Structure formats: C-alpha cells, structure tokens
C-alpha cells in the first residue's frame, strides 16, 4: 500500500474519532459518517485533498488558493479541455479539418438546412474573429456553401455541402473513440452523474452566454459573488 494511502487512512480515523467525540454514547453509521465528512469538507471549502503533480514546492499560499474547491474544479476543467483537444486532433488527422471548432461547426450545420454566419458562430460558442476564420476554411475546403441573405444584405447564409456530409460520416467513428477516451474508465452510474452535473453547468453558463451578462471584470466579480451565496 502506498504511503499516501496510509495518510488517508489516518485522516479518516481522525475524522471518525472526531465524530464519535461529538456523538458520545451513540453508535455511528456509514450514512452518518458520510454526512459528517461532507460538512467537514464544506467547512474547509477545499477540493479532494489530492495534490497536482505539476506543482512544485514553492508558494504554498498560492497553492492553497489553487486548491480551493471552485478553483480546483476550474483547473480540472481546463485540463480536461486540453486532453479532449489533443484526442480530437488525432481523430481529425488526415482530413481537411484542422481544429475541434471546424468539426463542431460542420456538425451543427449538418442538423440545419441553413444558418447565418452569426448564428453558427454563436451556436459554436466562438468569438466573431475566430468563428469567421473557421467558416472561411470550411468554405475554401468545399465543405460549406455561402450565399447572400435575401432579407439582410449585411449577412450571408451558409449550409453544409454533400462533401461536408460525406466527410463528417467518415469521422464519426473516430469521434466516438474520442468520447470514450474523455469518459475514461468511469462506471455507467458515474457517467450518468457526471452527465447530469455537466448539463446543469451547461444550462447555467449558456444562459449567461446568450444574455451576454458578463461583459466586464466587474460583471464577472458580481456574478461570482452571487454564486458563492448559494
């Protein structure tokens, strides 16, 4: 058994003793200990207690900040995003698609008869400049057609071509492998729980994205403060 496992066992025993001291005369149960453990973690506001192998030994104050629960979740999201992008890059190897955004843009267009460029960029959660560059690449590759908007001269409509559809269906199997890699070795129940939590976060963030409620650092600070009160 690894030394850090012994440390964990020691921590658990200390917590069991602490709970027993608070409930003298009453026999403790696993359910009661689970609730007690959660209250202890909530009180500390920290994450899992695991360390990050990327961090060195310096600046312990900064590391304490990084390991605060919300910050820990944010950092892990960033890591997951980068892993996912590396897998997607491998899946797109040998195709005319260069980035994950190329793939998701084409996949969104597959499910619509047509969209304006602005609609596609918004659906793909991109900034205007980077979204426009993706669309430009797809058009040059013959995967997307564009034409003038009949009701708005400032806008253009776009749609996936037959070549774009053909390409997507050759990529889907490889993208399925990406999904399986991202989900790792989670059990079915863990995947369902994770899906539920991620969808809950998606609903939260998408509302702010659509409403453009975070335009400045002040907006970010105000909304973050309101979240911490929940």
Foldseek 3Di string as FASTA:
>chain_A
DDPVVVVVVVVLVVLVVVVCVVVPPDDDDPVNSVVSVVVVCVVLQFDPPDDDPVDDDPDVVVVSVCGRHVNVVVVVVVVLVVVLFVLVCVLCPPHLDHGPLLLVLLVVLVVDAKDKLVVSCLVSVHDPVVSVVSVVSCVVVVQKDWDADPVDRVIIMMHGDPVNVVVNVVSVVSVVVSVDVSVPPDDPVRVVVVVVVVVVVVVVVSVCSVVVQDDDPVSVVVVVVVVVVD
